[in-house]
N, C-alpha and C. Protein backbone atom coordinates (compact mmCIF):
# COMPACT_ATOMS: atom_id res chain seq x y z
N UNK A 1 80.55 56.25 -55.10
CA UNK A 1 79.24 56.22 -54.48
C UNK A 1 79.13 54.99 -53.56
N UNK A 2 78.56 55.17 -52.42
CA UNK A 2 78.45 54.09 -51.44
C UNK A 2 77.34 53.11 -51.83
N UNK A 3 77.56 51.85 -51.46
CA UNK A 3 76.54 50.83 -51.66
C UNK A 3 75.41 51.04 -50.65
N UNK A 4 74.30 50.36 -50.89
CA UNK A 4 73.19 50.42 -49.94
C UNK A 4 73.62 49.89 -48.57
N UNK A 5 74.36 48.80 -48.55
CA UNK A 5 74.83 48.24 -47.28
C UNK A 5 75.73 49.25 -46.54
N UNK A 6 76.60 49.93 -47.26
CA UNK A 6 77.46 50.93 -46.63
C UNK A 6 76.64 52.09 -46.06
N UNK A 7 75.63 52.52 -46.79
CA UNK A 7 74.78 53.62 -46.32
C UNK A 7 74.00 53.20 -45.07
N UNK A 8 73.53 51.95 -45.05
CA UNK A 8 72.84 51.44 -43.86
C UNK A 8 73.80 51.39 -42.69
N UNK A 9 75.00 50.84 -42.91
CA UNK A 9 75.99 50.73 -41.84
C UNK A 9 76.37 52.10 -41.28
N UNK A 10 76.49 53.08 -42.15
CA UNK A 10 76.82 54.45 -41.70
C UNK A 10 75.70 55.06 -40.85
N UNK A 11 74.47 54.58 -41.03
CA UNK A 11 73.31 55.17 -40.37
C UNK A 11 72.94 54.47 -39.06
N UNK A 12 73.16 53.17 -39.00
CA UNK A 12 72.83 52.43 -37.78
C UNK A 12 73.63 52.96 -36.59
N UNK A 13 73.05 52.87 -35.42
CA UNK A 13 73.74 53.28 -34.20
C UNK A 13 73.98 52.03 -33.35
N UNK A 14 75.21 51.87 -32.90
CA UNK A 14 75.56 50.77 -32.00
C UNK A 14 75.35 51.24 -30.56
N UNK A 15 74.61 50.45 -29.80
CA UNK A 15 74.34 50.78 -28.40
C UNK A 15 74.93 49.65 -27.55
N UNK A 16 75.96 49.98 -26.81
CA UNK A 16 76.64 48.97 -25.98
C UNK A 16 75.80 48.61 -24.76
N UNK A 17 75.85 47.34 -24.41
CA UNK A 17 75.22 46.83 -23.19
C UNK A 17 73.71 47.04 -23.16
N UNK A 18 73.09 46.90 -24.33
CA UNK A 18 71.62 47.01 -24.41
C UNK A 18 71.11 45.84 -25.23
N UNK A 19 70.09 45.14 -24.82
CA UNK A 19 69.26 45.35 -23.64
C UNK A 19 69.84 44.75 -22.36
N UNK A 20 71.03 44.15 -22.47
CA UNK A 20 71.68 43.61 -21.27
C UNK A 20 73.19 43.71 -21.45
N UNK A 21 73.94 43.63 -20.38
CA UNK A 21 75.40 43.75 -20.47
C UNK A 21 75.99 42.73 -21.44
N UNK A 22 76.96 43.21 -22.21
CA UNK A 22 77.65 42.34 -23.16
C UNK A 22 77.05 42.32 -24.55
N UNK A 23 75.88 42.90 -24.73
CA UNK A 23 75.22 42.92 -26.04
C UNK A 23 75.52 44.26 -26.72
N UNK A 24 75.89 44.19 -28.01
CA UNK A 24 76.04 45.40 -28.82
C UNK A 24 74.81 45.47 -29.73
N UNK A 25 73.88 46.32 -29.37
CA UNK A 25 72.58 46.44 -30.04
C UNK A 25 72.73 47.30 -31.29
N UNK A 26 72.20 46.82 -32.41
CA UNK A 26 72.18 47.56 -33.67
C UNK A 26 70.84 48.27 -33.77
N UNK A 27 70.83 49.57 -33.53
CA UNK A 27 69.60 50.37 -33.52
C UNK A 27 69.26 50.81 -34.95
N UNK A 28 68.12 50.31 -35.46
CA UNK A 28 67.70 50.66 -36.82
C UNK A 28 66.91 51.96 -36.88
N UNK A 29 66.49 52.51 -35.75
CA UNK A 29 65.59 53.66 -35.80
C UNK A 29 66.16 54.87 -36.53
N UNK A 30 67.48 55.10 -36.56
CA UNK A 30 67.96 56.22 -37.37
C UNK A 30 67.68 56.09 -38.87
N UNK A 31 67.43 54.86 -39.35
CA UNK A 31 67.08 54.69 -40.76
C UNK A 31 65.82 55.48 -41.11
N UNK A 32 64.90 55.58 -40.16
CA UNK A 32 63.62 56.23 -40.41
C UNK A 32 63.73 57.75 -40.47
N UNK A 33 64.89 58.28 -40.09
CA UNK A 33 65.12 59.72 -40.19
C UNK A 33 65.54 60.13 -41.60
N UNK A 34 65.83 59.14 -42.44
CA UNK A 34 66.32 59.40 -43.78
C UNK A 34 65.36 58.79 -44.81
N UNK A 35 64.40 59.59 -45.30
CA UNK A 35 63.41 59.06 -46.25
C UNK A 35 64.03 58.48 -47.52
N UNK A 36 65.11 59.10 -48.03
CA UNK A 36 65.73 58.58 -49.26
C UNK A 36 66.33 57.20 -49.02
N UNK A 37 67.02 57.02 -47.91
CA UNK A 37 67.60 55.72 -47.59
C UNK A 37 66.49 54.70 -47.36
N UNK A 38 65.47 55.07 -46.62
CA UNK A 38 64.35 54.15 -46.38
C UNK A 38 63.69 53.74 -47.69
N UNK A 39 63.48 54.68 -48.59
CA UNK A 39 62.89 54.36 -49.89
C UNK A 39 63.80 53.41 -50.68
N UNK A 40 65.10 53.61 -50.59
CA UNK A 40 66.03 52.71 -51.29
C UNK A 40 66.01 51.30 -50.69
N UNK A 41 65.89 51.21 -49.38
CA UNK A 41 65.80 49.89 -48.73
C UNK A 41 64.53 49.18 -49.19
N UNK A 42 63.41 49.89 -49.16
CA UNK A 42 62.14 49.30 -49.60
C UNK A 42 62.23 48.87 -51.06
N UNK A 43 62.80 49.73 -51.91
CA UNK A 43 62.92 49.41 -53.34
C UNK A 43 63.75 48.14 -53.55
N UNK A 44 64.80 47.98 -52.77
CA UNK A 44 65.64 46.77 -52.90
C UNK A 44 64.86 45.52 -52.49
N UNK A 45 64.14 45.59 -51.36
CA UNK A 45 63.32 44.45 -50.97
C UNK A 45 62.28 44.13 -52.04
N UNK A 46 61.63 45.15 -52.57
CA UNK A 46 60.60 44.96 -53.60
C UNK A 46 61.22 44.32 -54.85
N UNK A 47 62.37 44.81 -55.28
CA UNK A 47 63.02 44.25 -56.47
C UNK A 47 63.36 42.78 -56.28
N UNK A 48 63.74 42.40 -55.08
CA UNK A 48 64.14 41.01 -54.82
C UNK A 48 62.94 40.09 -54.62
N UNK A 49 61.73 40.66 -54.45
CA UNK A 49 60.53 39.85 -54.21
C UNK A 49 59.54 39.86 -55.36
N UNK A 50 59.67 40.80 -56.26
CA UNK A 50 58.68 41.00 -57.33
C UNK A 50 58.44 39.69 -58.10
N UNK A 51 57.17 39.33 -58.21
CA UNK A 51 56.77 38.14 -58.95
C UNK A 51 56.92 36.84 -58.18
N UNK A 52 57.45 36.92 -56.96
CA UNK A 52 57.70 35.70 -56.18
C UNK A 52 56.70 35.47 -55.07
N UNK A 53 55.96 36.51 -54.65
CA UNK A 53 55.12 36.38 -53.46
C UNK A 53 53.73 36.93 -53.68
N UNK A 54 52.80 36.42 -52.87
CA UNK A 54 51.40 36.85 -52.90
C UNK A 54 51.02 37.63 -51.65
N UNK A 55 51.79 37.48 -50.56
CA UNK A 55 51.48 38.09 -49.27
C UNK A 55 52.79 38.41 -48.56
N UNK A 56 52.82 39.57 -47.87
CA UNK A 56 53.93 39.90 -46.98
C UNK A 56 53.41 39.78 -45.55
N UNK A 57 54.12 39.05 -44.71
CA UNK A 57 53.82 38.96 -43.28
C UNK A 57 54.93 39.67 -42.52
N UNK A 58 54.55 40.59 -41.65
CA UNK A 58 55.52 41.31 -40.82
C UNK A 58 55.45 40.82 -39.39
N UNK A 59 56.63 40.62 -38.80
CA UNK A 59 56.72 40.15 -37.42
C UNK A 59 56.73 41.36 -36.49
N UNK A 60 55.91 41.27 -35.42
CA UNK A 60 55.78 42.35 -34.44
C UNK A 60 57.13 42.69 -33.84
N UNK A 61 57.42 43.90 -33.68
CA UNK A 61 56.72 45.06 -34.19
C UNK A 61 57.54 45.76 -35.27
N UNK A 62 58.84 45.58 -35.22
CA UNK A 62 59.66 46.29 -36.21
C UNK A 62 59.53 45.74 -37.61
N UNK A 63 59.02 44.51 -37.74
CA UNK A 63 58.75 43.97 -39.07
C UNK A 63 57.58 44.65 -39.75
N UNK A 64 56.80 45.40 -38.98
CA UNK A 64 55.68 46.14 -39.56
C UNK A 64 56.16 47.38 -40.30
N UNK A 65 57.27 47.97 -39.84
CA UNK A 65 57.68 49.30 -40.29
C UNK A 65 57.98 49.36 -41.79
N UNK A 66 58.79 48.44 -42.28
CA UNK A 66 59.04 48.38 -43.73
C UNK A 66 58.12 47.35 -44.40
N UNK A 67 57.68 46.34 -43.64
CA UNK A 67 56.89 45.27 -44.23
C UNK A 67 55.64 45.75 -44.93
N UNK A 68 54.90 46.64 -44.30
CA UNK A 68 53.67 47.13 -44.92
C UNK A 68 53.96 47.95 -46.17
N UNK A 69 55.06 48.67 -46.15
CA UNK A 69 55.44 49.45 -47.33
C UNK A 69 55.89 48.55 -48.48
N UNK A 70 56.60 47.48 -48.15
CA UNK A 70 57.00 46.50 -49.17
C UNK A 70 55.75 45.90 -49.81
N UNK A 71 54.79 45.49 -48.98
CA UNK A 71 53.55 44.90 -49.49
C UNK A 71 52.82 45.87 -50.40
N UNK A 72 52.69 47.10 -49.98
CA UNK A 72 51.97 48.09 -50.79
C UNK A 72 52.68 48.34 -52.11
N UNK A 73 54.00 48.40 -52.09
CA UNK A 73 54.75 48.59 -53.34
C UNK A 73 54.59 47.39 -54.28
N UNK A 74 54.47 46.21 -53.70
CA UNK A 74 54.27 45.00 -54.51
C UNK A 74 52.81 44.81 -54.93
N UNK A 75 51.90 45.55 -54.28
CA UNK A 75 50.47 45.40 -54.58
C UNK A 75 49.89 44.11 -54.03
N UNK A 76 50.41 43.67 -52.86
CA UNK A 76 49.93 42.43 -52.24
C UNK A 76 49.49 42.75 -50.81
N UNK A 77 48.69 41.87 -50.20
CA UNK A 77 48.25 42.09 -48.82
C UNK A 77 49.41 42.05 -47.82
N UNK A 78 49.20 42.73 -46.70
CA UNK A 78 50.13 42.69 -45.57
C UNK A 78 49.40 42.07 -44.39
N UNK A 79 50.02 41.08 -43.75
CA UNK A 79 49.41 40.36 -42.65
C UNK A 79 50.33 40.46 -41.43
N UNK A 80 49.73 40.74 -40.28
CA UNK A 80 50.46 40.88 -39.02
C UNK A 80 50.73 39.53 -38.37
N UNK A 81 51.94 39.35 -37.87
CA UNK A 81 52.28 38.25 -36.97
C UNK A 81 52.59 38.92 -35.64
N UNK A 82 51.78 38.58 -34.61
CA UNK A 82 51.87 39.30 -33.34
C UNK A 82 52.07 38.36 -32.17
N UNK A 83 52.44 38.95 -31.05
CA UNK A 83 52.53 38.21 -29.80
C UNK A 83 51.14 37.70 -29.43
N UNK A 84 51.09 36.59 -28.73
CA UNK A 84 49.82 35.96 -28.35
C UNK A 84 48.92 36.96 -27.62
N UNK A 85 47.63 36.91 -27.96
CA UNK A 85 46.63 37.74 -27.30
C UNK A 85 46.46 39.13 -27.87
N UNK A 86 47.19 39.46 -28.93
CA UNK A 86 47.12 40.81 -29.50
C UNK A 86 46.22 40.91 -30.73
N UNK A 87 45.82 39.77 -31.30
CA UNK A 87 44.96 39.76 -32.49
C UNK A 87 43.59 39.21 -32.14
N UNK A 88 42.54 39.73 -32.77
CA UNK A 88 41.22 39.15 -32.56
C UNK A 88 41.11 37.80 -33.27
N UNK A 89 40.21 36.95 -32.80
CA UNK A 89 40.05 35.63 -33.43
C UNK A 89 39.44 35.77 -34.83
N UNK A 90 39.61 34.74 -35.63
CA UNK A 90 40.26 33.46 -35.35
C UNK A 90 41.77 33.56 -35.55
N UNK A 91 42.51 33.00 -34.64
CA UNK A 91 43.96 32.98 -34.75
C UNK A 91 44.47 31.55 -34.57
N UNK A 92 45.68 31.36 -35.08
CA UNK A 92 46.42 30.14 -34.78
C UNK A 92 47.72 30.58 -34.13
N UNK A 93 48.29 29.72 -33.30
CA UNK A 93 49.45 30.09 -32.50
C UNK A 93 50.60 29.12 -32.72
N UNK A 94 51.80 29.65 -32.48
CA UNK A 94 53.01 28.83 -32.53
C UNK A 94 53.92 29.28 -31.39
N UNK A 95 54.30 28.35 -30.54
CA UNK A 95 55.23 28.66 -29.46
C UNK A 95 56.64 28.29 -29.88
N UNK A 96 57.62 28.97 -29.29
CA UNK A 96 59.02 28.69 -29.59
C UNK A 96 59.87 29.08 -28.39
N UNK A 97 61.09 28.55 -28.37
CA UNK A 97 61.99 28.78 -27.25
C UNK A 97 62.81 30.04 -27.46
N UNK A 98 63.01 30.75 -26.37
CA UNK A 98 63.90 31.90 -26.32
C UNK A 98 65.11 31.54 -25.47
N UNK A 99 66.06 32.46 -25.40
CA UNK A 99 67.25 32.20 -24.59
C UNK A 99 66.89 31.90 -23.14
N UNK A 100 65.90 32.65 -22.60
CA UNK A 100 65.47 32.45 -21.22
C UNK A 100 63.96 32.27 -21.18
N UNK A 101 63.45 31.14 -21.63
CA UNK A 101 62.03 30.89 -21.58
C UNK A 101 61.44 30.58 -22.94
N UNK A 102 60.19 30.96 -23.12
CA UNK A 102 59.52 30.70 -24.40
C UNK A 102 58.58 31.85 -24.71
N UNK A 103 58.09 31.86 -25.94
CA UNK A 103 57.15 32.89 -26.39
C UNK A 103 56.16 32.24 -27.35
N UNK A 104 55.07 32.91 -27.59
CA UNK A 104 54.05 32.44 -28.53
C UNK A 104 53.67 33.60 -29.44
N UNK A 105 53.56 33.31 -30.72
CA UNK A 105 53.09 34.29 -31.70
C UNK A 105 51.84 33.75 -32.37
N UNK A 106 51.07 34.67 -32.96
CA UNK A 106 49.81 34.29 -33.60
C UNK A 106 49.64 35.03 -34.93
N UNK A 107 48.76 34.47 -35.74
CA UNK A 107 48.35 35.08 -36.99
C UNK A 107 46.86 34.84 -37.15
N UNK A 108 46.18 35.76 -37.81
CA UNK A 108 44.76 35.55 -38.12
C UNK A 108 44.69 34.53 -39.24
N UNK A 109 44.09 33.40 -38.96
CA UNK A 109 44.09 32.29 -39.91
C UNK A 109 43.24 32.54 -41.15
N UNK A 110 42.42 33.57 -41.15
CA UNK A 110 41.61 33.89 -42.34
C UNK A 110 42.40 34.66 -43.39
N UNK A 111 43.54 35.21 -43.02
CA UNK A 111 44.24 36.13 -43.91
C UNK A 111 45.29 35.48 -44.80
N UNK A 112 45.64 34.25 -44.53
CA UNK A 112 46.58 33.50 -45.36
C UNK A 112 45.80 32.35 -45.99
N UNK A 113 45.89 32.26 -47.30
CA UNK A 113 45.15 31.23 -48.03
C UNK A 113 46.08 30.07 -48.40
N UNK A 114 45.51 28.87 -48.47
CA UNK A 114 46.33 27.74 -48.93
C UNK A 114 46.97 28.08 -50.27
N UNK A 115 48.19 27.71 -50.42
CA UNK A 115 48.99 27.90 -51.63
C UNK A 115 49.49 29.33 -51.83
N UNK A 116 49.21 30.27 -50.89
CA UNK A 116 49.82 31.59 -50.97
C UNK A 116 51.34 31.45 -50.89
N UNK A 117 52.02 32.30 -51.65
CA UNK A 117 53.48 32.41 -51.58
C UNK A 117 53.77 33.60 -50.67
N UNK A 118 54.46 33.35 -49.56
CA UNK A 118 54.58 34.33 -48.49
C UNK A 118 56.02 34.78 -48.27
N UNK A 119 56.17 36.10 -48.08
CA UNK A 119 57.42 36.68 -47.58
C UNK A 119 57.22 36.96 -46.10
N UNK A 120 58.17 36.57 -45.28
CA UNK A 120 58.18 36.94 -43.86
C UNK A 120 59.25 38.00 -43.69
N UNK A 121 58.85 39.16 -43.15
CA UNK A 121 59.77 40.28 -43.00
C UNK A 121 59.94 40.67 -41.53
N UNK A 122 61.20 40.95 -41.17
CA UNK A 122 61.51 41.48 -39.84
C UNK A 122 62.75 42.35 -39.95
N UNK A 123 63.08 43.04 -38.87
CA UNK A 123 64.23 43.94 -38.92
C UNK A 123 65.56 43.22 -38.83
N UNK A 124 65.67 42.24 -37.91
CA UNK A 124 66.95 41.58 -37.66
C UNK A 124 66.77 40.06 -37.63
N UNK A 125 67.68 39.36 -38.30
CA UNK A 125 67.78 37.91 -38.18
C UNK A 125 68.90 37.64 -37.19
N UNK A 126 68.53 37.19 -36.00
CA UNK A 126 69.51 36.86 -34.96
C UNK A 126 69.57 35.34 -34.85
N UNK A 127 68.93 34.76 -33.86
CA UNK A 127 68.96 33.30 -33.69
C UNK A 127 67.98 32.59 -34.62
N UNK A 128 67.03 33.32 -35.19
CA UNK A 128 66.08 32.74 -36.14
C UNK A 128 64.85 32.13 -35.53
N UNK A 129 64.72 32.14 -34.21
CA UNK A 129 63.60 31.48 -33.56
C UNK A 129 62.24 32.08 -33.90
N UNK A 130 62.13 33.38 -33.92
CA UNK A 130 60.85 34.01 -34.23
C UNK A 130 60.48 33.82 -35.69
N UNK A 131 61.47 33.96 -36.58
CA UNK A 131 61.20 33.76 -38.01
C UNK A 131 60.81 32.31 -38.29
N UNK A 132 61.47 31.37 -37.64
CA UNK A 132 61.13 29.96 -37.81
C UNK A 132 59.70 29.69 -37.32
N UNK A 133 59.34 30.22 -36.16
CA UNK A 133 57.98 30.05 -35.64
C UNK A 133 56.96 30.68 -36.58
N UNK A 134 57.31 31.82 -37.16
CA UNK A 134 56.42 32.48 -38.12
C UNK A 134 56.21 31.61 -39.35
N UNK A 135 57.28 30.98 -39.82
CA UNK A 135 57.18 30.09 -40.98
C UNK A 135 56.29 28.89 -40.67
N UNK A 136 56.35 28.40 -39.46
CA UNK A 136 55.49 27.27 -39.07
C UNK A 136 54.02 27.70 -39.07
N UNK A 137 53.75 28.95 -38.66
CA UNK A 137 52.37 29.46 -38.75
C UNK A 137 51.88 29.48 -40.19
N UNK A 138 52.74 29.94 -41.08
CA UNK A 138 52.38 30.01 -42.50
C UNK A 138 52.07 28.61 -43.03
N UNK A 139 52.89 27.64 -42.66
CA UNK A 139 52.65 26.26 -43.08
C UNK A 139 51.34 25.72 -42.51
N UNK A 140 50.99 26.09 -41.26
CA UNK A 140 49.72 25.65 -40.68
C UNK A 140 48.53 26.16 -41.50
N UNK A 141 48.72 27.27 -42.17
CA UNK A 141 47.66 27.84 -43.03
C UNK A 141 47.62 27.17 -44.40
N UNK A 142 48.56 26.28 -44.67
CA UNK A 142 48.62 25.61 -45.96
C UNK A 142 49.37 26.40 -47.02
N UNK A 143 50.02 27.48 -46.63
CA UNK A 143 50.76 28.32 -47.55
C UNK A 143 52.25 27.97 -47.50
N UNK A 144 53.04 28.63 -48.35
CA UNK A 144 54.47 28.35 -48.44
C UNK A 144 55.27 29.63 -48.24
N UNK A 145 56.29 29.54 -47.39
CA UNK A 145 57.23 30.66 -47.25
C UNK A 145 58.17 30.60 -48.44
N UNK A 146 58.14 31.65 -49.25
CA UNK A 146 59.00 31.71 -50.44
C UNK A 146 60.18 32.65 -50.25
N UNK A 147 60.10 33.52 -49.22
CA UNK A 147 61.20 34.44 -48.98
C UNK A 147 61.14 34.96 -47.55
N UNK A 148 62.32 35.11 -46.94
CA UNK A 148 62.49 35.85 -45.70
C UNK A 148 63.25 37.11 -46.06
N UNK A 149 62.93 38.23 -45.39
CA UNK A 149 63.69 39.45 -45.63
C UNK A 149 63.96 40.16 -44.31
N UNK A 150 65.19 40.66 -44.19
CA UNK A 150 65.67 41.32 -42.98
C UNK A 150 66.57 42.49 -43.37
N UNK A 151 66.58 43.52 -42.56
CA UNK A 151 67.53 44.60 -42.77
C UNK A 151 68.92 44.12 -42.37
N UNK A 152 69.02 43.49 -41.19
CA UNK A 152 70.30 43.07 -40.62
C UNK A 152 70.29 41.56 -40.38
N UNK A 153 71.42 40.92 -40.66
CA UNK A 153 71.64 39.53 -40.30
C UNK A 153 72.87 39.47 -39.40
N UNK A 154 72.73 38.86 -38.24
CA UNK A 154 73.85 38.67 -37.31
C UNK A 154 74.41 37.28 -37.55
N UNK A 155 75.43 37.19 -38.40
CA UNK A 155 75.97 35.90 -38.84
C UNK A 155 76.42 35.01 -37.70
N UNK A 156 77.01 35.59 -36.66
CA UNK A 156 77.58 34.79 -35.58
C UNK A 156 76.53 34.03 -34.78
N UNK A 157 75.25 34.39 -34.93
CA UNK A 157 74.18 33.67 -34.22
C UNK A 157 73.55 32.57 -35.09
N UNK A 158 73.91 32.52 -36.37
CA UNK A 158 73.53 31.44 -37.30
C UNK A 158 72.02 31.20 -37.39
N UNK A 159 71.23 32.25 -37.31
CA UNK A 159 69.78 32.09 -37.46
C UNK A 159 69.37 31.58 -38.82
N UNK A 160 70.19 31.84 -39.82
CA UNK A 160 69.86 31.41 -41.17
C UNK A 160 69.72 29.90 -41.26
N UNK A 161 70.44 29.16 -40.42
CA UNK A 161 70.36 27.69 -40.48
C UNK A 161 68.97 27.19 -40.13
N UNK A 162 68.22 27.91 -39.29
CA UNK A 162 66.86 27.51 -38.94
C UNK A 162 65.86 27.77 -40.07
N UNK A 163 66.23 28.62 -41.00
CA UNK A 163 65.29 29.05 -42.04
C UNK A 163 65.46 28.30 -43.35
N UNK A 164 66.61 27.69 -43.56
CA UNK A 164 66.92 27.03 -44.83
C UNK A 164 65.96 25.90 -45.18
N UNK A 165 65.33 25.28 -44.18
CA UNK A 165 64.40 24.19 -44.49
C UNK A 165 63.10 24.72 -45.11
N UNK A 166 62.86 26.02 -45.00
CA UNK A 166 61.65 26.62 -45.57
C UNK A 166 61.91 27.18 -46.97
N UNK A 167 63.05 27.87 -47.14
CA UNK A 167 63.44 28.43 -48.42
C UNK A 167 64.90 28.85 -48.36
N UNK A 168 65.55 28.86 -49.52
CA UNK A 168 66.92 29.38 -49.62
C UNK A 168 66.91 30.88 -49.91
N UNK A 169 65.75 31.43 -50.20
CA UNK A 169 65.63 32.84 -50.56
C UNK A 169 65.54 33.68 -49.28
N UNK A 170 66.70 34.02 -48.74
CA UNK A 170 66.80 34.79 -47.51
C UNK A 170 67.54 36.09 -47.85
N UNK A 171 66.81 37.19 -47.83
CA UNK A 171 67.34 38.48 -48.27
C UNK A 171 67.70 39.32 -47.05
N UNK A 172 68.93 39.80 -47.02
CA UNK A 172 69.35 40.73 -45.98
C UNK A 172 70.07 41.89 -46.65
N UNK A 173 69.93 43.07 -46.06
CA UNK A 173 70.58 44.25 -46.61
C UNK A 173 72.03 44.37 -46.13
N UNK A 174 72.30 43.90 -44.90
CA UNK A 174 73.65 43.99 -44.34
C UNK A 174 73.84 42.88 -43.32
N UNK A 175 75.05 42.33 -43.29
CA UNK A 175 75.37 41.25 -42.34
C UNK A 175 76.55 41.68 -41.47
N UNK A 176 76.50 41.22 -40.23
CA UNK A 176 77.60 41.45 -39.28
C UNK A 176 78.05 40.15 -38.69
């Protein structure tokens, strides 16, 4: 019987030269065509977070897809982390650098309480910039990031090094 990581790897689609030449894009959307596999992925994230967190935060937009389901299975709130200008006030913002420029993300500051234990969820851990900025938002709210979770980790980009100062609990289903 195949492991969960093997089943994910068999399902992902590699798209060459997307979104730019030289990039091999790992397309997660075929995972959503398989309800049994998706349920197993969610169950694994839930098992690794149970009893450790009070809130799940999903990063726009693919972090919403499994993130809300993880939160519901855990019986905890789900909070959106979105690009600047997409959430109604009150929000707090965090800017961060990208390969070619910068970006800003926001969170509704009423939805995270001081001392909340937070999971930050997204689809892929690449350079770690967005996840790190998300963790800084959580800290601005007075809460603590207790876990990061990702479907895919791209080891060669070393994003995990940016996250270790927040927590060592970094869950990934498959690494490349």
